[in-house]
Amino acid sequence: MKLKLDLHDIYNRGHDIDRALRGIIDEAVAKKATLVEIIPGKGSGALKKKVLRFLDQKDVKQLYHRVEKDSKNFGRLFVHFRHK
């Protein structure tokens, strides 16, 4: 199962971004999704950095297996999950 989160609509609302990221990570864990695609967009790269900082938090990092930056599309990240 793959989930997708597009952040284009809320790119300038910090609390909404954190809430959306937390929601998609929690949903992936609950539904045992193997992949979450996060689209911060290309822009200046600030939103992508914010997403990566969120994913690097200790309590979040323990929930997923690895993060992959899309080599063909700078504005997209993949978060891979491994469920027991």
PDB file of N, CA and C in Angstrom:
ATOM      1  N   MET A   1       0.842  -1.180   0.000  1.00  0.00           N
ATOM      2  CA  MET A   1       0.000   0.000   0.000  1.00  0.00           C
ATOM      3  C   MET A   1       0.886   1.242   0.000  1.00  0.00           C
ATOM      4  N   LYS A   2       0.508   2.221  -0.806  1.00  0.00           N
ATOM      5  CA  LYS A   2       1.252   3.472  -0.916  1.00  0.00           C
ATOM      6  C   LYS A   2       0.323   4.635  -0.567  1.00  0.00           C
ATOM      7  N   LEU A   3       0.815   5.539   0.263  1.00  0.00           N
ATOM      8  CA  LEU A   3       0.070   6.751   0.614  1.00  0.00           C
ATOM      9  C   LEU A   3       0.791   7.950   0.024  1.00  0.00           C
ATOM     10  N   LYS A   4       0.054   9.031  -0.195  1.00  0.00           N
ATOM     11  CA  LYS A   4       0.633  10.218  -0.827  1.00  0.00           C
ATOM     12  C   LYS A   4       0.197  11.469  -0.080  1.00  0.00           C
ATOM     13  N   LEU A   5       1.147  12.391   0.123  1.00  0.00           N
ATOM     14  CA  LEU A   5       0.853  13.672   0.768  1.00  0.00           C
ATOM     15  C   LEU A   5       1.446  14.780  -0.083  1.00  0.00           C
ATOM     16  N   ASP A   6       0.598  15.645  -0.615  1.00  0.00           N
ATOM     17  CA  ASP A   6       1.031  16.783  -1.424  1.00  0.00           C
ATOM     18  C   ASP A   6       0.923  18.041  -0.566  1.00  0.00           C
ATOM     19  N   LEU A   7       2.045  18.707  -0.349  1.00  0.00           N
ATOM     20  CA  LEU A   7       2.071  19.864   0.545  1.00  0.00           C
ATOM     21  C   LEU A   7       1.914  21.203  -0.191  1.00  0.00           C
ATOM     22  N   HIS A   8       1.630  21.186  -1.466  1.00  0.00           N
ATOM     23  CA  HIS A   8       1.509  22.431  -2.231  1.00  0.00           C
ATOM     24  C   HIS A   8       0.474  23.397  -1.644  1.00  0.00           C
ATOM     25  N   ASP A   9      -0.646  22.881  -1.182  1.00  0.00           N
ATOM     26  CA  ASP A   9      -1.734  23.748  -0.706  1.00  0.00           C
ATOM     27  C   ASP A   9      -1.447  24.393   0.645  1.00  0.00           C
ATOM     28  N   ILE A  10      -0.542  23.820   1.439  1.00  0.00           N
ATOM     29  CA  ILE A  10      -0.303  24.344   2.786  1.00  0.00           C
ATOM     30  C   ILE A  10       1.161  24.721   3.009  1.00  0.00           C
ATOM     31  N   TYR A  11       1.874  25.018   1.926  1.00  0.00           N
ATOM     32  CA  TYR A  11       3.317  25.258   1.991  1.00  0.00           C
ATOM     33  C   TYR A  11       3.736  26.363   2.951  1.00  0.00           C
ATOM     34  N   ASN A  12       2.866  27.312   3.242  1.00  0.00           N
ATOM     35  CA  ASN A  12       3.252  28.442   4.089  1.00  0.00           C
ATOM     36  C   ASN A  12       2.572  28.439   5.459  1.00  0.00           C
ATOM     37  N   ARG A  13       2.036  27.310   5.875  1.00  0.00           N
ATOM     38  CA  ARG A  13       1.358  27.224   7.177  1.00  0.00           C
ATOM     39  C   ARG A  13       2.037  26.135   8.010  1.00  0.00           C
ATOM     40  N   GLY A  14       3.028  26.531   8.798  1.00  0.00           N
ATOM     41  CA  GLY A  14       3.872  25.626   9.557  1.00  0.00           C
ATOM     42  C   GLY A  14       3.147  24.576  10.382  1.00  0.00           C
ATOM     43  N   HIS A  15       2.163  24.996  11.172  1.00  0.00           N
ATOM     44  CA  HIS A  15       1.452  24.044  12.036  1.00  0.00           C
ATOM     45  C   HIS A  15       0.652  23.035  11.208  1.00  0.00           C
ATOM     46  N   ASP A  16       0.070  23.493  10.113  1.00  0.00           N
ATOM     47  CA  ASP A  16      -0.687  22.589   9.238  1.00  0.00           C
ATOM     48  C   ASP A  16       0.236  21.569   8.584  1.00  0.00           C
ATOM     49  N   ILE A  17       1.445  21.994   8.235  1.00  0.00           N
ATOM     50  CA  ILE A  17       2.424  21.083   7.630  1.00  0.00           C
ATOM     51  C   ILE A  17       2.792  19.997   8.628  1.00  0.00           C
ATOM     52  N   ASP A  18       3.130  20.401   9.860  1.00  0.00           N
ATOM     53  CA  ASP A  18       3.476  19.414  10.890  1.00  0.00           C
ATOM     54  C   ASP A  18       2.322  18.450  11.142  1.00  0.00           C
ATOM     55  N   ARG A  19       1.106  18.983  11.199  1.00  0.00           N
ATOM     56  CA  ARG A  19      -0.077  18.155  11.444  1.00  0.00           C
ATOM     57  C   ARG A  19      -0.292  17.173  10.290  1.00  0.00           C
ATOM     58  N   ALA A  20      -0.109  17.636   9.050  1.00  0.00           N
ATOM     59  CA  ALA A  20      -0.290  16.772   7.880  1.00  0.00           C
ATOM     60  C   ALA A  20       0.777  15.670   7.849  1.00  0.00           C
ATOM     61  N   LEU A  21       2.025  16.038   8.175  1.00  0.00           N
ATOM     62  CA  LEU A  21       3.103  15.044   8.196  1.00  0.00           C
ATOM     63  C   LEU A  21       2.858  13.997   9.278  1.00  0.00           C
ATOM     64  N   ARG A  22       2.490  14.456  10.451  1.00  0.00           N
ATOM     65  CA  ARG A  22       2.207  13.523  11.560  1.00  0.00           C
ATOM     66  C   ARG A  22       1.053  12.608  11.185  1.00  0.00           C
ATOM     67  N   GLY A  23       0.035  13.173  10.563  1.00  0.00           N
ATOM     68  CA  GLY A  23      -1.131  12.391  10.160  1.00  0.00           C
ATOM     69  C   GLY A  23      -0.799  11.308   9.153  1.00  0.00           C
ATOM     70  N   ILE A  24       0.010  11.632   8.148  1.00  0.00           N
ATOM     71  CA  ILE A  24       0.330  10.639   7.119  1.00  0.00           C
ATOM     72  C   ILE A  24       1.247   9.559   7.670  1.00  0.00           C
ATOM     73  N   ILE A  25       2.156   9.905   8.577  1.00  0.00           N
ATOM     74  CA  ILE A  25       3.035   8.908   9.200  1.00  0.00           C
ATOM     75  C   ILE A  25       2.203   7.973  10.084  1.00  0.00           C
ATOM     76  N   ASP A  26       1.311   8.555  10.889  1.00  0.00           N
ATOM     77  CA  ASP A  26       0.435   7.737  11.743  1.00  0.00           C
ATOM     78  C   ASP A  26      -0.468   6.829  10.907  1.00  0.00           C
ATOM     79  N   GLU A  27      -0.987   7.356   9.795  1.00  0.00           N
ATOM     80  CA  GLU A  27      -1.851   6.560   8.916  1.00  0.00           C
ATOM     81  C   GLU A  27      -1.060   5.405   8.293  1.00  0.00           C
ATOM     82  N   ALA A  28       0.175   5.671   7.897  1.00  0.00           N
ATOM     83  CA  ALA A  28       1.022   4.619   7.311  1.00  0.00           C
ATOM     84  C   ALA A  28       1.270   3.502   8.315  1.00  0.00           C
ATOM     85  N   VAL A  29       1.516   3.868   9.568  1.00  0.00           N
ATOM     86  CA  VAL A  29       1.747   2.870  10.607  1.00  0.00           C
ATOM     87  C   VAL A  29       0.462   2.068  10.859  1.00  0.00           C
ATOM     88  N   ALA A  30      -0.661   2.767  10.984  1.00  0.00           N
ATOM     89  CA  ALA A  30      -1.939   2.107  11.278  1.00  0.00           C
ATOM     90  C   ALA A  30      -2.370   1.165  10.153  1.00  0.00           C
ATOM     91  N   LYS A  31      -2.165   1.590   8.904  1.00  0.00           N
ATOM     92  CA  LYS A  31      -2.607   0.783   7.757  1.00  0.00           C
ATOM     93  C   LYS A  31      -1.514  -0.155   7.247  1.00  0.00           C
ATOM     94  N   LYS A  32      -0.350  -0.117   7.913  1.00  0.00           N
ATOM     95  CA  LYS A  32       0.805  -0.936   7.508  1.00  0.00           C
ATOM     96  C   LYS A  32       1.201  -0.676   6.051  1.00  0.00           C
ATOM     97  N   ALA A  33       1.187   0.593   5.674  1.00  0.00           N
ATOM     98  CA  ALA A  33       1.630   0.984   4.334  1.00  0.00           C
ATOM     99  C   ALA A  33       3.138   0.795   4.234  1.00  0.00           C
ATOM    100  N   THR A  34       3.603   0.426   3.074  1.00  0.00           N
ATOM    101  CA  THR A  34       5.042   0.221   2.895  1.00  0.00           C
ATOM    102  C   THR A  34       5.733   1.468   2.365  1.00  0.00           C
ATOM    103  N   LEU A  35       4.970   2.406   1.813  1.00  0.00           N
ATOM    104  CA  LEU A  35       5.573   3.588   1.194  1.00  0.00           C
ATOM    105  C   LEU A  35       4.670   4.804   1.347  1.00  0.00           C
ATOM    106  N   VAL A  36       5.291   5.933   1.688  1.00  0.00           N
ATOM    107  CA  VAL A  36       4.594   7.212   1.698  1.00  0.00           C
ATOM    108  C   VAL A  36       5.362   8.142   0.769  1.00  0.00           C
ATOM    109  N   GLU A  37       4.653   8.721  -0.183  1.00  0.00           N
ATOM    110  CA  GLU A  37       5.237   9.692  -1.102  1.00  0.00           C
ATOM    111  C   GLU A  37       4.864  11.078  -0.569  1.00  0.00           C
ATOM    112  N   ILE A  38       5.866  11.897  -0.308  1.00  0.00           N
ATOM    113  CA  ILE A  38       5.636  13.256   0.179  1.00  0.00           C
ATOM    114  C   ILE A  38       6.120  14.222  -0.897  1.00  0.00           C
ATOM    115  N   ILE A  39       5.256  15.158  -1.278  1.00  0.00           N
ATOM    116  CA  ILE A  39       5.582  16.112  -2.324  1.00  0.00           C
ATOM    117  C   ILE A  39       5.644  17.526  -1.731  1.00  0.00           C
ATOM    118  N   PRO A  40       6.867  17.979  -1.368  1.00  0.00           N
ATOM    119  CA  PRO A  40       7.003  19.353  -0.883  1.00  0.00           C
ATOM    120  C   PRO A  40       7.099  20.339  -2.046  1.00  0.00           C
ATOM    121  N   GLY A  41       7.347  19.863  -3.243  1.00  0.00           N
ATOM    122  CA  GLY A  41       7.509  20.732  -4.403  1.00  0.00           C
ATOM    123  C   GLY A  41       8.959  21.166  -4.560  1.00  0.00           C
ATOM    124  N   LYS A  42       9.255  21.780  -5.680  1.00  0.00           N
ATOM    125  CA  LYS A  42      10.637  22.144  -5.981  1.00  0.00           C
ATOM    126  C   LYS A  42      11.023  23.452  -5.319  1.00  0.00           C
ATOM    127  N   GLY A  43      10.382  24.531  -5.607  1.00  0.00           N
ATOM    128  CA  GLY A  43      10.601  25.827  -4.963  1.00  0.00           C
ATOM    129  C   GLY A  43      12.031  26.110  -4.533  1.00  0.00           C
ATOM    130  N   SER A  44      12.177  26.735  -3.366  1.00  0.00           N
ATOM    131  CA  SER A  44      13.496  27.120  -2.851  1.00  0.00           C
ATOM    132  C   SER A  44      14.181  25.977  -2.110  1.00  0.00           C
ATOM    133  N   GLY A  45      13.420  24.947  -1.768  1.00  0.00           N
ATOM    134  CA  GLY A  45      13.973  23.832  -1.014  1.00  0.00           C
ATOM    135  C   GLY A  45      13.723  23.942   0.476  1.00  0.00           C
ATOM    136  N   ALA A  46      13.168  25.062   0.929  1.00  0.00           N
ATOM    137  CA  ALA A  46      12.920  25.271   2.360  1.00  0.00           C
ATOM    138  C   ALA A  46      11.887  24.290   2.905  1.00  0.00           C
ATOM    139  N   LEU A  47      10.833  24.038   2.156  1.00  0.00           N
ATOM    140  CA  LEU A  47       9.789  23.110   2.619  1.00  0.00           C
ATOM    141  C   LEU A  47      10.338  21.683   2.679  1.00  0.00           C
ATOM    142  N   LYS A  48      11.152  21.314   1.698  1.00  0.00           N
ATOM    143  CA  LYS A  48      11.759  19.984   1.698  1.00  0.00           C
ATOM    144  C   LYS A  48      12.650  19.821   2.932  1.00  0.00           C
ATOM    145  N   LYS A  49      13.406  20.867   3.275  1.00  0.00           N
ATOM    146  CA  LYS A  49      14.263  20.822   4.468  1.00  0.00           C
ATOM    147  C   LYS A  49      13.416  20.678   5.722  1.00  0.00           C
ATOM    148  N   LYS A  50      12.277  21.368   5.763  1.00  0.00           N
ATOM    149  CA  LYS A  50      11.378  21.270   6.916  1.00  0.00           C
ATOM    150  C   LYS A  50      10.846  19.837   7.051  1.00  0.00           C
ATOM    151  N   VAL A  51      10.487  19.234   5.933  1.00  0.00           N
ATOM    152  CA  VAL A  51       9.992  17.850   5.944  1.00  0.00           C
ATOM    153  C   VAL A  51      11.091  16.913   6.437  1.00  0.00           C
ATOM    154  N   LEU A  52      12.306  17.087   5.947  1.00  0.00           N
ATOM    155  CA  LEU A  52      13.416  16.226   6.361  1.00  0.00           C
ATOM    156  C   LEU A  52      13.724  16.397   7.849  1.00  0.00           C
ATOM    157  N   ARG A  53      13.642  17.641   8.355  1.00  0.00           N
ATOM    158  CA  ARG A  53      13.835  17.870   9.802  1.00  0.00           C
ATOM    159  C   ARG A  53      12.746  17.180  10.605  1.00  0.00           C
ATOM    160  N   PHE A  54      11.505  17.240  10.127  1.00  0.00           N
ATOM    161  CA  PHE A  54      10.403  16.556  10.804  1.00  0.00           C
ATOM    162  C   PHE A  54      10.676  15.053  10.861  1.00  0.00           C
ATOM    163  N   LEU A  55      11.070  14.483   9.723  1.00  0.00           N
ATOM    164  CA  LEU A  55      11.318  13.044   9.647  1.00  0.00           C
ATOM    165  C   LEU A  55      12.516  12.616  10.488  1.00  0.00           C
ATOM    166  N   ASP A  56      13.411  13.557  10.782  1.00  0.00           N
ATOM    167  CA  ASP A  56      14.623  13.243  11.545  1.00  0.00           C
ATOM    168  C   ASP A  56      14.408  13.298  13.060  1.00  0.00           C
ATOM    169  N   GLN A  57      13.221  13.716  13.500  1.00  0.00           N
ATOM    170  CA  GLN A  57      12.922  13.735  14.936  1.00  0.00           C
ATOM    171  C   GLN A  57      12.946  12.305  15.477  1.00  0.00           C
ATOM    172  N   LYS A  58      13.496  12.146  16.671  1.00  0.00           N
ATOM    173  CA  LYS A  58      13.697  10.814  17.252  1.00  0.00           C
ATOM    174  C   LYS A  58      12.413   9.978  17.284  1.00  0.00           C
ATOM    175  N   ASP A  59      11.313  10.570  17.744  1.00  0.00           N
ATOM    176  CA  ASP A  59      10.061   9.813  17.875  1.00  0.00           C
ATOM    177  C   ASP A  59       9.464   9.445  16.512  1.00  0.00           C
ATOM    178  N   VAL A  60       9.746  10.236  15.488  1.00  0.00           N
ATOM    179  CA  VAL A  60       9.238   9.946  14.143  1.00  0.00           C
ATOM    180  C   VAL A  60      10.158   8.944  13.453  1.00  0.00           C
ATOM    181  N   LYS A  61      11.460   9.137  13.611  1.00  0.00           N
ATOM    182  CA  LYS A  61      12.458   8.309  12.925  1.00  0.00           C
ATOM    183  C   LYS A  61      12.320   6.819  13.259  1.00  0.00           C
ATOM    184  N   GLN A  62      11.896   6.529  14.477  1.00  0.00           N
ATOM    185  CA  GLN A  62      11.760   5.124  14.868  1.00  0.00           C
ATOM    186  C   GLN A  62      10.558   4.434  14.217  1.00  0.00           C
ATOM    187  N   LEU A  63       9.683   5.194  13.559  1.00  0.00           N
ATOM    188  CA  LEU A  63       8.486   4.624  12.951  1.00  0.00           C
ATOM    189  C   LEU A  63       8.703   4.117  11.526  1.00  0.00           C
ATOM    190  N   TYR A  64       9.734   4.620  10.841  1.00  0.00           N
ATOM    191  CA  TYR A  64       9.949   4.229   9.452  1.00  0.00           C
ATOM    192  C   TYR A  64      11.324   3.606   9.266  1.00  0.00           C
ATOM    193  N   HIS A  65      11.534   3.000   8.099  1.00  0.00           N
ATOM    194  CA  HIS A  65      12.776   2.298   7.797  1.00  0.00           C
ATOM    195  C   HIS A  65      13.825   3.236   7.184  1.00  0.00           C
ATOM    196  N   ARG A  66      13.444   3.955   6.105  1.00  0.00           N
ATOM    197  CA  ARG A  66      14.395   4.864   5.468  1.00  0.00           C
ATOM    198  C   ARG A  66      13.678   5.909   4.625  1.00  0.00           C
ATOM    199  N   VAL A  67      14.406   7.000   4.309  1.00  0.00           N
ATOM    200  CA  VAL A  67      13.900   8.066   3.450  1.00  0.00           C
ATOM    201  C   VAL A  67      14.724   8.054   2.170  1.00  0.00           C
ATOM    202  N   GLU A  68      14.027   8.170   1.057  1.00  0.00           N
ATOM    203  CA  GLU A  68      14.691   8.194  -0.247  1.00  0.00           C
ATOM    204  C   GLU A  68      14.322   9.486  -0.956  1.00  0.00           C
ATOM    205  N   LYS A  69      15.335  10.207  -1.426  1.00  0.00           N
ATOM    206  CA  LYS A  69      15.097  11.400  -2.232  1.00  0.00           C
ATOM    207  C   LYS A  69      14.987  10.943  -3.678  1.00  0.00           C
ATOM    208  N   ASP A  70      13.950  11.388  -4.364  1.00  0.00           N
ATOM    209  CA  ASP A  70      13.732  10.991  -5.749  1.00  0.00           C
ATOM    210  C   ASP A  70      14.823  11.602  -6.629  1.00  0.00           C
ATOM    211  N   SER A  71      15.611  10.772  -7.282  1.00  0.00           N
ATOM    212  CA  SER A  71      16.713  11.267  -8.113  1.00  0.00           C
ATOM    213  C   SER A  71      16.218  11.934  -9.397  1.00  0.00           C
ATOM    214  N   LYS A  72      14.995  11.635  -9.807  1.00  0.00           N
ATOM    215  CA  LYS A  72      14.457  12.206 -11.038  1.00  0.00           C
ATOM    216  C   LYS A  72      13.586  13.436 -10.791  1.00  0.00           C
ATOM    217  N   ASN A  73      13.161  13.627  -9.536  1.00  0.00           N
ATOM    218  CA  ASN A  73      12.274  14.745  -9.210  1.00  0.00           C
ATOM    219  C   ASN A  73      12.675  15.317  -7.858  1.00  0.00           C
ATOM    220  N   PHE A  74      13.356  16.458  -7.869  1.00  0.00           N
ATOM    221  CA  PHE A  74      13.856  17.096  -6.656  1.00  0.00           C
ATOM    222  C   PHE A  74      12.740  17.384  -5.648  1.00  0.00           C
ATOM    223  N   GLY A  75      11.520  17.580  -6.114  1.00  0.00           N
ATOM    224  CA  GLY A  75      10.404  17.966  -5.251  1.00  0.00           C
ATOM    225  C   GLY A  75       9.606  16.810  -4.683  1.00  0.00           C
ATOM    226  N   ARG A  76      10.250  15.630  -4.541  1.00  0.00           N
ATOM    227  CA  ARG A  76       9.510  14.470  -4.054  1.00  0.00           C
ATOM    228  C   ARG A  76      10.414  13.615  -3.164  1.00  0.00           C
ATOM    229  N   LEU A  77       9.820  13.097  -2.079  1.00  0.00           N
ATOM    230  CA  LEU A  77      10.515  12.206  -1.146  1.00  0.00           C
ATOM    231  C   LEU A  77       9.694  10.933  -0.968  1.00  0.00           C
ATOM    232  N   PHE A  78      10.384   9.842  -0.716  1.00  0.00           N
ATOM    233  CA  PHE A  78       9.712   8.591  -0.412  1.00  0.00           C
ATOM    234  C   PHE A  78      10.132   8.143   0.982  1.00  0.00           C
ATOM    235  N   VAL A  79       9.164   7.781   1.807  1.00  0.00           N
ATOM    236  CA  VAL A  79       9.440   7.259   3.144  1.00  0.00           C
ATOM    237  C   VAL A  79       9.035   5.792   3.124  1.00  0.00           C
ATOM    238  N   HIS A  80      10.018   4.926   3.359  1.00  0.00           N
ATOM    239  CA  HIS A  80       9.791   3.478   3.309  1.00  0.00           C
ATOM    240  C   HIS A  80       9.572   2.937   4.722  1.00  0.00           C
ATOM    241  N   PHE A  81       8.580   2.053   4.845  1.00  0.00           N
ATOM    242  CA  PHE A  81       8.242   1.443   6.133  1.00  0.00           C
ATOM    243  C   PHE A  81       8.478  -0.054   6.056  1.00  0.00           C
ATOM    244  N   ARG A  82       8.867  -0.613   7.180  1.00  0.00           N
ATOM    245  CA  ARG A  82       9.010  -2.063   7.308  1.00  0.00           C
ATOM    246  C   ARG A  82       8.205  -2.447   8.542  1.00  0.00           C
ATOM    247  N   HIS A  83       7.146  -3.204   8.354  1.00  0.00           N
ATOM    248  CA  HIS A  83       6.266  -3.574   9.468  1.00  0.00           C
ATOM    249  C   HIS A  83       6.553  -5.003   9.915  1.00  0.00           C
ATOM    250  N   LYS A  84       6.384  -5.225  11.211  1.00  0.00           N
ATOM    251  CA  LYS A  84       6.623  -6.560  11.757  1.00  0.00           C
ATOM    252  C   LYS A  84       5.391  -7.423  11.651  1.00  0.00           C
TER     253      LYS A  84
END
